[in-house]
Amino acid sequence: MSKYKVTLETNSVADTQCFGERLGHWVKQNGNPLCMALVGDLGTGKTHMSQGIAKGLGVTEEITSPTFSLMNTYMTLAGEIYHFDLYRMDDVSELENIGFYEFTEDQISIVEWADKFSDELPEETLWIRIVSIDEHARAITLKSDLIDHETLVEIGGIYVVGN
C-alpha cells in the first residue's frame, strides 16, 4: 500500500494525454529518475497516457506502444526515456532478457501493464491506475511512497477530484 494517493478524472482521450503531458513536464523539471507504472484494463488509455508523458518530457516523434518490441527508447534533450509494455510477458526471467532492471533503475521510464511484475519495479515508482468510468471518462489514481500528497495534487492540477 502506497503512502500517498490522489484521484483524478479525465473526460476524453485529449484530457488523458494532457494530464500525461503535465506529468511529463513535472518529471522533466524535477530532474530525478522516475519509473511511471501504468496499470489498467485493455483499452483504458495506458498508451494515450504514455504519449502525453513522453510529449511532456520533450519527445517529438510518434509514441506507440511497444507491445511487440517490448521496449521503445526515445531521445530528449534531458536524455533517454525507456517505454516498456509487459502485456505479452509471462515470466519474471523475461525482464532480465530485455534489460528491464538496467532501464528502470535510476532512469526515466514508462511501464505499461506494470502490475504483471509489480515486485520488480524500483522504489522510485509512481503507480498510475486508469479505470474506465464510461466510453470517454477515466478515473486515474496516482500512488507513491516518495512523491508526497501535496506534490501529487500539484501534478494532477485541474484533473484532481475529491482530495
N, C-alpha and C. Protein backbone atom coordinates (compact mmCIF):
# COMPACT_ATOMS: atom_id res chain seq x y z
N MET A 1 0.85 -1.19 0.00
CA MET A 1 0.00 0.00 0.00
C MET A 1 0.88 1.24 0.00
N SER A 2 0.67 2.11 -0.96
CA SER A 2 1.47 3.33 -1.07
C SER A 2 1.07 4.34 -0.01
N LYS A 3 2.04 5.13 0.37
CA LYS A 3 1.84 6.11 1.43
C LYS A 3 0.96 7.28 0.97
N TYR A 4 1.16 7.75 -0.27
CA TYR A 4 0.43 8.92 -0.78
C TYR A 4 -0.42 8.52 -1.97
N LYS A 5 -1.64 9.12 -2.05
CA LYS A 5 -2.58 8.74 -3.09
C LYS A 5 -3.44 9.95 -3.46
N VAL A 6 -3.66 10.13 -4.77
CA VAL A 6 -4.51 11.21 -5.27
C VAL A 6 -5.35 10.64 -6.41
N THR A 7 -6.61 11.07 -6.49
CA THR A 7 -7.51 10.61 -7.56
C THR A 7 -7.78 11.75 -8.53
N LEU A 8 -7.76 11.41 -9.82
CA LEU A 8 -8.01 12.37 -10.89
C LEU A 8 -9.15 11.85 -11.76
N GLU A 9 -9.71 12.74 -12.58
CA GLU A 9 -10.68 12.33 -13.59
C GLU A 9 -10.39 13.06 -14.88
N THR A 10 -10.41 12.30 -15.99
CA THR A 10 -10.32 12.91 -17.31
C THR A 10 -11.59 12.55 -18.06
N ASN A 11 -11.96 13.40 -19.02
CA ASN A 11 -13.23 13.19 -19.72
C ASN A 11 -13.08 12.85 -21.19
N SER A 12 -11.83 12.71 -21.65
CA SER A 12 -11.59 12.39 -23.06
C SER A 12 -10.16 11.88 -23.22
N VAL A 13 -9.88 11.34 -24.40
CA VAL A 13 -8.52 10.93 -24.72
C VAL A 13 -7.59 12.14 -24.62
N ALA A 14 -8.06 13.28 -25.14
CA ALA A 14 -7.24 14.51 -25.09
C ALA A 14 -6.92 14.90 -23.66
N ASP A 15 -7.91 14.80 -22.76
CA ASP A 15 -7.68 15.09 -21.33
C ASP A 15 -6.62 14.15 -20.74
N THR A 16 -6.74 12.86 -21.05
CA THR A 16 -5.79 11.88 -20.53
C THR A 16 -4.39 12.21 -21.02
N GLN A 17 -4.27 12.56 -22.29
CA GLN A 17 -2.97 12.93 -22.84
C GLN A 17 -2.46 14.24 -22.22
N CYS A 18 -3.35 15.19 -21.99
CA CYS A 18 -2.95 16.47 -21.37
C CYS A 18 -2.45 16.25 -19.94
N PHE A 19 -3.14 15.39 -19.19
CA PHE A 19 -2.63 15.10 -17.85
C PHE A 19 -1.26 14.44 -17.96
N GLY A 20 -1.11 13.47 -18.86
CA GLY A 20 0.18 12.83 -19.07
C GLY A 20 1.27 13.84 -19.39
N GLU A 21 0.93 14.82 -20.21
CA GLU A 21 1.90 15.87 -20.56
C GLU A 21 2.29 16.68 -19.32
N ARG A 22 1.32 16.99 -18.48
CA ARG A 22 1.61 17.69 -17.20
C ARG A 22 2.60 16.89 -16.37
N LEU A 23 2.34 15.59 -16.28
CA LEU A 23 3.22 14.70 -15.51
C LEU A 23 4.62 14.68 -16.12
N GLY A 24 4.69 14.56 -17.44
CA GLY A 24 5.98 14.57 -18.12
C GLY A 24 6.76 15.85 -17.88
N HIS A 25 6.06 17.00 -17.93
CA HIS A 25 6.71 18.28 -17.64
C HIS A 25 7.27 18.28 -16.21
N TRP A 26 6.47 17.77 -15.26
CA TRP A 26 6.92 17.74 -13.87
C TRP A 26 8.17 16.87 -13.72
N VAL A 27 8.16 15.70 -14.35
CA VAL A 27 9.32 14.80 -14.26
C VAL A 27 10.55 15.49 -14.84
N LYS A 28 10.38 16.15 -15.98
CA LYS A 28 11.50 16.84 -16.63
C LYS A 28 12.04 17.95 -15.72
N GLN A 29 11.15 18.76 -15.14
CA GLN A 29 11.57 19.85 -14.26
C GLN A 29 12.19 19.33 -12.96
N ASN A 30 11.65 18.24 -12.45
CA ASN A 30 12.14 17.65 -11.21
C ASN A 30 13.57 17.14 -11.38
N GLY A 31 13.86 16.60 -12.56
CA GLY A 31 15.20 16.16 -12.88
C GLY A 31 15.66 14.87 -12.24
N ASN A 32 14.78 14.19 -11.52
CA ASN A 32 15.16 12.93 -10.87
C ASN A 32 14.64 11.74 -11.67
N PRO A 33 15.34 10.61 -11.61
CA PRO A 33 14.83 9.41 -12.29
C PRO A 33 13.49 8.99 -11.67
N LEU A 34 12.62 8.47 -12.50
CA LEU A 34 11.32 8.02 -12.01
C LEU A 34 10.79 6.96 -12.96
N CYS A 35 10.28 5.89 -12.39
CA CYS A 35 9.57 4.87 -13.14
C CYS A 35 8.08 5.17 -12.98
N MET A 36 7.37 5.29 -14.10
CA MET A 36 5.94 5.53 -14.08
C MET A 36 5.25 4.24 -14.52
N ALA A 37 4.56 3.61 -13.58
CA ALA A 37 3.95 2.29 -13.79
C ALA A 37 2.48 2.46 -14.11
N LEU A 38 2.10 2.11 -15.34
CA LEU A 38 0.72 2.27 -15.79
C LEU A 38 -0.01 0.95 -15.68
N VAL A 39 -1.19 1.02 -15.04
CA VAL A 39 -2.00 -0.17 -14.79
C VAL A 39 -3.42 0.13 -15.22
N GLY A 40 -4.04 -0.84 -15.88
CA GLY A 40 -5.44 -0.68 -16.28
C GLY A 40 -5.81 -1.75 -17.27
N ASP A 41 -7.09 -1.98 -17.42
CA ASP A 41 -7.58 -2.98 -18.36
C ASP A 41 -7.27 -2.56 -19.79
N LEU A 42 -7.40 -3.49 -20.70
CA LEU A 42 -7.22 -3.24 -22.12
C LEU A 42 -8.16 -2.11 -22.56
N GLY A 43 -7.63 -1.12 -23.24
CA GLY A 43 -8.45 -0.03 -23.77
C GLY A 43 -8.74 1.10 -22.81
N THR A 44 -8.11 1.13 -21.64
CA THR A 44 -8.39 2.20 -20.69
C THR A 44 -7.59 3.47 -20.96
N GLY A 45 -6.52 3.38 -21.75
CA GLY A 45 -5.78 4.59 -22.09
C GLY A 45 -4.34 4.64 -21.63
N LYS A 46 -3.74 3.48 -21.37
CA LYS A 46 -2.34 3.47 -20.93
C LYS A 46 -1.41 4.06 -22.00
N THR A 47 -1.65 3.71 -23.25
CA THR A 47 -0.79 4.25 -24.32
C THR A 47 -1.06 5.73 -24.53
N HIS A 48 -2.30 6.17 -24.42
CA HIS A 48 -2.59 7.61 -24.51
C HIS A 48 -1.86 8.36 -23.40
N MET A 49 -1.89 7.80 -22.21
CA MET A 49 -1.17 8.42 -21.09
C MET A 49 0.33 8.47 -21.40
N SER A 50 0.87 7.37 -21.90
CA SER A 50 2.29 7.31 -22.25
C SER A 50 2.64 8.37 -23.29
N GLN A 51 1.77 8.55 -24.26
CA GLN A 51 2.01 9.57 -25.30
C GLN A 51 2.11 10.96 -24.68
N GLY A 52 1.20 11.27 -23.76
CA GLY A 52 1.24 12.56 -23.10
C GLY A 52 2.49 12.74 -22.25
N ILE A 53 2.85 11.71 -21.48
CA ILE A 53 4.04 11.78 -20.64
C ILE A 53 5.27 12.04 -21.50
N ALA A 54 5.40 11.27 -22.58
CA ALA A 54 6.56 11.43 -23.46
C ALA A 54 6.61 12.82 -24.08
N LYS A 55 5.47 13.34 -24.49
CA LYS A 55 5.43 14.69 -25.05
C LYS A 55 5.88 15.71 -24.00
N GLY A 56 5.40 15.56 -22.77
CA GLY A 56 5.80 16.46 -21.70
C GLY A 56 7.29 16.38 -21.38
N LEU A 57 7.89 15.23 -21.64
CA LEU A 57 9.32 15.04 -21.43
C LEU A 57 10.15 15.57 -22.60
N GLY A 58 9.46 15.96 -23.68
CA GLY A 58 10.16 16.53 -24.82
C GLY A 58 10.33 15.62 -26.01
N VAL A 59 9.66 14.47 -26.02
CA VAL A 59 9.73 13.58 -27.18
C VAL A 59 8.91 14.19 -28.30
N THR A 60 9.50 14.29 -29.48
CA THR A 60 8.79 14.89 -30.62
C THR A 60 8.34 13.85 -31.65
N GLU A 61 8.90 12.64 -31.57
CA GLU A 61 8.50 11.61 -32.53
C GLU A 61 7.20 10.94 -32.08
N GLU A 62 6.62 10.14 -32.98
CA GLU A 62 5.38 9.43 -32.67
C GLU A 62 5.63 8.39 -31.58
N ILE A 63 4.74 8.35 -30.60
CA ILE A 63 4.83 7.40 -29.49
C ILE A 63 3.84 6.28 -29.74
N THR A 64 4.35 5.05 -29.83
CA THR A 64 3.49 3.89 -30.00
C THR A 64 3.79 2.91 -28.87
N SER A 65 2.81 2.09 -28.56
CA SER A 65 3.01 1.10 -27.51
C SER A 65 3.94 0.01 -28.01
N PRO A 66 4.96 -0.34 -27.22
CA PRO A 66 5.90 -1.38 -27.64
C PRO A 66 5.40 -2.79 -27.35
N THR A 67 4.16 -3.08 -27.73
CA THR A 67 3.56 -4.37 -27.42
C THR A 67 4.38 -5.53 -27.97
N PHE A 68 4.91 -5.39 -29.18
CA PHE A 68 5.66 -6.49 -29.79
C PHE A 68 7.16 -6.32 -29.63
N SER A 69 7.65 -5.10 -29.60
CA SER A 69 9.10 -4.89 -29.42
C SER A 69 9.48 -4.92 -27.94
N LEU A 70 8.51 -4.82 -27.06
CA LEU A 70 8.64 -4.83 -25.60
C LEU A 70 9.23 -3.55 -25.01
N MET A 71 10.12 -2.86 -25.74
CA MET A 71 10.68 -1.59 -25.25
C MET A 71 10.98 -0.67 -26.42
N ASN A 72 10.60 0.59 -26.27
CA ASN A 72 10.99 1.66 -27.19
C ASN A 72 11.85 2.64 -26.41
N THR A 73 12.82 3.22 -27.07
CA THR A 73 13.67 4.25 -26.47
C THR A 73 13.45 5.54 -27.24
N TYR A 74 13.28 6.63 -26.51
CA TYR A 74 13.10 7.95 -27.11
C TYR A 74 14.15 8.89 -26.58
N MET A 75 14.71 9.70 -27.47
CA MET A 75 15.72 10.68 -27.07
C MET A 75 15.06 12.03 -26.83
N THR A 76 15.50 12.69 -25.77
CA THR A 76 15.07 14.06 -25.49
C THR A 76 16.32 14.85 -25.11
N LEU A 77 16.15 16.15 -24.96
CA LEU A 77 17.27 16.98 -24.50
C LEU A 77 17.69 16.59 -23.09
N ALA A 78 16.75 16.02 -22.34
CA ALA A 78 17.03 15.61 -20.96
C ALA A 78 17.63 14.20 -20.88
N GLY A 79 17.75 13.52 -22.01
CA GLY A 79 18.28 12.16 -22.01
C GLY A 79 17.28 11.17 -22.59
N GLU A 80 17.56 9.90 -22.39
CA GLU A 80 16.71 8.85 -22.95
C GLU A 80 15.55 8.52 -22.03
N ILE A 81 14.43 8.16 -22.65
CA ILE A 81 13.25 7.69 -21.94
C ILE A 81 12.99 6.27 -22.44
N TYR A 82 12.73 5.37 -21.51
CA TYR A 82 12.51 3.96 -21.84
C TYR A 82 11.03 3.63 -21.62
N HIS A 83 10.39 3.10 -22.65
CA HIS A 83 8.96 2.82 -22.63
C HIS A 83 8.75 1.32 -22.83
N PHE A 84 8.22 0.66 -21.81
CA PHE A 84 8.01 -0.79 -21.82
C PHE A 84 6.53 -1.12 -21.92
N ASP A 85 6.23 -2.27 -22.51
CA ASP A 85 4.90 -2.86 -22.49
C ASP A 85 5.09 -4.32 -22.08
N LEU A 86 4.59 -4.67 -20.91
CA LEU A 86 4.80 -6.02 -20.37
C LEU A 86 3.64 -6.97 -20.66
N TYR A 87 2.69 -6.54 -21.48
CA TYR A 87 1.48 -7.31 -21.74
C TYR A 87 1.77 -8.74 -22.19
N ARG A 88 2.73 -8.92 -23.08
CA ARG A 88 3.00 -10.23 -23.66
C ARG A 88 3.97 -11.07 -22.84
N MET A 89 4.43 -10.56 -21.71
CA MET A 89 5.41 -11.29 -20.90
C MET A 89 4.69 -12.11 -19.83
N ASP A 90 5.21 -13.30 -19.59
CA ASP A 90 4.58 -14.19 -18.62
C ASP A 90 5.47 -14.57 -17.46
N ASP A 91 6.78 -14.46 -17.64
CA ASP A 91 7.71 -14.94 -16.62
C ASP A 91 8.69 -13.83 -16.25
N VAL A 92 8.97 -13.71 -14.98
CA VAL A 92 9.86 -12.66 -14.48
C VAL A 92 11.25 -12.75 -15.11
N SER A 93 11.68 -13.94 -15.51
CA SER A 93 13.01 -14.10 -16.12
C SER A 93 13.11 -13.34 -17.44
N GLU A 94 11.98 -13.11 -18.10
CA GLU A 94 11.98 -12.37 -19.37
C GLU A 94 12.42 -10.92 -19.17
N LEU A 95 12.20 -10.38 -17.98
CA LEU A 95 12.60 -8.99 -17.70
C LEU A 95 14.11 -8.84 -17.80
N GLU A 96 14.82 -9.79 -17.28
CA GLU A 96 16.29 -9.76 -17.35
C GLU A 96 16.76 -9.79 -18.79
N ASN A 97 16.10 -10.57 -19.62
CA ASN A 97 16.48 -10.73 -21.03
C ASN A 97 16.38 -9.43 -21.82
N ILE A 98 15.48 -8.53 -21.42
CA ILE A 98 15.33 -7.27 -22.15
C ILE A 98 16.01 -6.09 -21.44
N GLY A 99 16.75 -6.37 -20.39
CA GLY A 99 17.46 -5.31 -19.67
C GLY A 99 16.55 -4.42 -18.85
N PHE A 100 15.42 -4.96 -18.44
CA PHE A 100 14.41 -4.18 -17.72
C PHE A 100 14.98 -3.45 -16.51
N TYR A 101 15.74 -4.12 -15.69
CA TYR A 101 16.25 -3.52 -14.45
C TYR A 101 17.21 -2.38 -14.75
N GLU A 102 18.04 -2.58 -15.74
CA GLU A 102 19.02 -1.57 -16.15
C GLU A 102 18.32 -0.28 -16.62
N PHE A 103 17.17 -0.44 -17.29
CA PHE A 103 16.48 0.70 -17.87
C PHE A 103 15.40 1.31 -16.98
N THR A 104 15.10 0.69 -15.84
CA THR A 104 14.11 1.27 -14.94
C THR A 104 14.73 1.80 -13.65
N GLU A 105 15.89 1.31 -13.27
CA GLU A 105 16.58 1.81 -12.07
C GLU A 105 17.34 3.08 -12.44
N ASP A 106 17.14 4.14 -11.70
CA ASP A 106 17.86 5.40 -11.91
C ASP A 106 17.73 5.94 -13.33
N GLN A 107 16.59 5.72 -13.94
CA GLN A 107 16.29 6.21 -15.30
C GLN A 107 14.86 6.76 -15.29
N ILE A 108 14.52 7.44 -16.37
CA ILE A 108 13.12 7.82 -16.57
C ILE A 108 12.51 6.73 -17.45
N SER A 109 11.48 6.09 -16.92
CA SER A 109 10.85 5.00 -17.67
C SER A 109 9.34 5.03 -17.50
N ILE A 110 8.67 4.48 -18.51
CA ILE A 110 7.23 4.31 -18.51
C ILE A 110 6.99 2.81 -18.72
N VAL A 111 6.18 2.19 -17.86
CA VAL A 111 5.95 0.75 -17.94
C VAL A 111 4.44 0.50 -18.01
N GLU A 112 3.98 0.07 -19.18
CA GLU A 112 2.58 -0.32 -19.32
C GLU A 112 2.41 -1.77 -18.85
N TRP A 113 1.28 -2.09 -18.25
CA TRP A 113 0.98 -3.41 -17.69
C TRP A 113 1.96 -3.74 -16.55
N ALA A 114 2.34 -2.74 -15.79
CA ALA A 114 3.33 -2.88 -14.73
C ALA A 114 2.89 -3.83 -13.62
N ASP A 115 1.57 -3.99 -13.43
CA ASP A 115 1.07 -4.85 -12.35
C ASP A 115 1.39 -6.33 -12.58
N LYS A 116 1.78 -6.71 -13.80
CA LYS A 116 2.15 -8.10 -14.05
C LYS A 116 3.39 -8.49 -13.26
N PHE A 117 4.27 -7.50 -13.00
CA PHE A 117 5.51 -7.75 -12.27
C PHE A 117 5.76 -6.63 -11.27
N SER A 118 4.76 -6.33 -10.47
CA SER A 118 4.83 -5.17 -9.57
C SER A 118 6.00 -5.24 -8.59
N ASP A 119 6.39 -6.42 -8.17
CA ASP A 119 7.50 -6.55 -7.22
C ASP A 119 8.86 -6.28 -7.86
N GLU A 120 8.90 -6.18 -9.17
CA GLU A 120 10.17 -5.99 -9.88
C GLU A 120 10.47 -4.52 -10.19
N LEU A 121 9.55 -3.63 -9.86
CA LEU A 121 9.76 -2.22 -10.16
C LEU A 121 10.57 -1.54 -9.07
N PRO A 122 11.29 -0.48 -9.44
CA PRO A 122 12.16 0.19 -8.46
C PRO A 122 11.37 0.94 -7.39
N GLU A 123 12.07 1.32 -6.34
CA GLU A 123 11.45 2.09 -5.26
C GLU A 123 10.90 3.41 -5.78
N GLU A 124 11.61 4.01 -6.75
CA GLU A 124 11.20 5.31 -7.31
C GLU A 124 10.11 5.10 -8.36
N THR A 125 9.01 4.50 -7.98
CA THR A 125 7.92 4.23 -8.92
C THR A 125 6.69 5.04 -8.54
N LEU A 126 6.11 5.70 -9.55
CA LEU A 126 4.82 6.36 -9.42
C LEU A 126 3.81 5.42 -10.08
N TRP A 127 2.88 4.90 -9.28
CA TRP A 127 1.86 3.99 -9.79
C TRP A 127 0.69 4.80 -10.31
N ILE A 128 0.25 4.50 -11.54
CA ILE A 128 -0.85 5.21 -12.19
C ILE A 128 -1.87 4.18 -12.63
N ARG A 129 -2.99 4.12 -11.91
CA ARG A 129 -4.07 3.16 -12.25
C ARG A 129 -5.15 3.92 -13.01
N ILE A 130 -5.51 3.39 -14.18
CA ILE A 130 -6.52 4.01 -15.03
C ILE A 130 -7.73 3.07 -15.10
N VAL A 131 -8.91 3.61 -14.79
CA VAL A 131 -10.14 2.82 -14.81
C VAL A 131 -11.17 3.56 -15.66
N SER A 132 -11.87 2.84 -16.53
CA SER A 132 -12.92 3.45 -17.36
C SER A 132 -14.13 3.78 -16.50
N ILE A 133 -14.59 5.01 -16.62
CA ILE A 133 -15.86 5.42 -15.99
C ILE A 133 -16.97 5.20 -17.00
N ASP A 134 -16.73 5.63 -18.23
CA ASP A 134 -17.63 5.38 -19.36
C ASP A 134 -16.77 5.36 -20.62
N GLU A 135 -17.40 5.49 -21.78
CA GLU A 135 -16.67 5.38 -23.04
C GLU A 135 -15.50 6.37 -23.13
N HIS A 136 -15.65 7.56 -22.54
CA HIS A 136 -14.62 8.61 -22.67
C HIS A 136 -13.92 8.95 -21.37
N ALA A 137 -14.63 8.91 -20.27
CA ALA A 137 -14.10 9.37 -18.98
C ALA A 137 -13.26 8.29 -18.29
N ARG A 138 -12.23 8.74 -17.58
CA ARG A 138 -11.35 7.83 -16.86
C ARG A 138 -11.11 8.34 -15.45
N ALA A 139 -11.07 7.42 -14.50
CA ALA A 139 -10.62 7.72 -13.14
C ALA A 139 -9.17 7.28 -13.08
N ILE A 140 -8.31 8.16 -12.64
CA ILE A 140 -6.87 7.89 -12.59
C ILE A 140 -6.41 8.07 -11.16
N THR A 141 -5.77 7.05 -10.62
CA THR A 141 -5.25 7.12 -9.26
C THR A 141 -3.73 7.12 -9.30
N LEU A 142 -3.14 8.13 -8.67
CA LEU A 142 -1.69 8.23 -8.54
C LEU A 142 -1.32 7.76 -7.15
N LYS A 143 -0.34 6.85 -7.05
CA LYS A 143 0.11 6.35 -5.75
C LYS A 143 1.64 6.37 -5.72
N SER A 144 2.17 6.79 -4.59
CA SER A 144 3.63 6.84 -4.45
C SER A 144 4.03 6.76 -2.99
N ASP A 145 5.18 6.19 -2.75
CA ASP A 145 5.77 6.22 -1.42
C ASP A 145 6.72 7.40 -1.28
N LEU A 146 7.15 7.97 -2.41
CA LEU A 146 8.19 9.01 -2.39
C LEU A 146 7.69 10.40 -2.76
N ILE A 147 6.67 10.48 -3.61
CA ILE A 147 6.12 11.78 -4.01
C ILE A 147 4.96 12.09 -3.07
N ASP A 148 5.09 13.18 -2.30
CA ASP A 148 4.08 13.45 -1.27
C ASP A 148 2.74 13.89 -1.86
N HIS A 149 1.71 13.86 -1.01
CA HIS A 149 0.34 14.16 -1.42
C HIS A 149 0.24 15.54 -2.06
N GLU A 150 0.84 16.54 -1.45
CA GLU A 150 0.77 17.90 -1.97
C GLU A 150 1.35 17.98 -3.38
N THR A 151 2.45 17.30 -3.63
CA THR A 151 3.07 17.30 -4.95
C THR A 151 2.20 16.54 -5.95
N LEU A 152 1.61 15.42 -5.54
CA LEU A 152 0.71 14.68 -6.43
C LEU A 152 -0.49 15.55 -6.82
N VAL A 153 -1.01 16.31 -5.89
CA VAL A 153 -2.12 17.23 -6.19
C VAL A 153 -1.66 18.29 -7.19
N GLU A 154 -0.46 18.82 -6.98
CA GLU A 154 0.10 19.82 -7.90
C GLU A 154 0.25 19.23 -9.31
N ILE A 155 0.76 18.01 -9.41
CA ILE A 155 0.92 17.36 -10.70
C ILE A 155 -0.44 17.16 -11.36
N GLY A 156 -1.43 16.73 -10.58
CA GLY A 156 -2.77 16.46 -11.12
C GLY A 156 -3.51 17.69 -11.59
N GLY A 157 -3.23 18.83 -10.97
CA GLY A 157 -3.83 20.09 -11.39
C GLY A 157 -5.34 20.04 -11.46
N ILE A 158 -5.87 20.52 -12.57
CA ILE A 158 -7.33 20.63 -12.75
C ILE A 158 -8.03 19.29 -12.78
N TYR A 159 -7.29 18.20 -12.92
CA TYR A 159 -7.90 16.88 -13.02
C TYR A 159 -8.15 16.22 -11.66
N VAL A 160 -7.65 16.83 -10.59
CA VAL A 160 -7.80 16.28 -9.25
C VAL A 160 -9.26 16.36 -8.80
N VAL A 161 -9.75 15.28 -8.20
CA VAL A 161 -11.12 15.25 -7.65
C VAL A 161 -11.10 14.68 -6.24
N GLY A 162 -11.96 15.17 -5.38
CA GLY A 162 -12.19 14.59 -4.07
C GLY A 162 -10.98 14.42 -3.18
N ASN A 163 -10.01 15.29 -3.26
CA ASN A 163 -8.83 15.16 -2.43
C ASN A 163 -8.80 16.31 -1.43
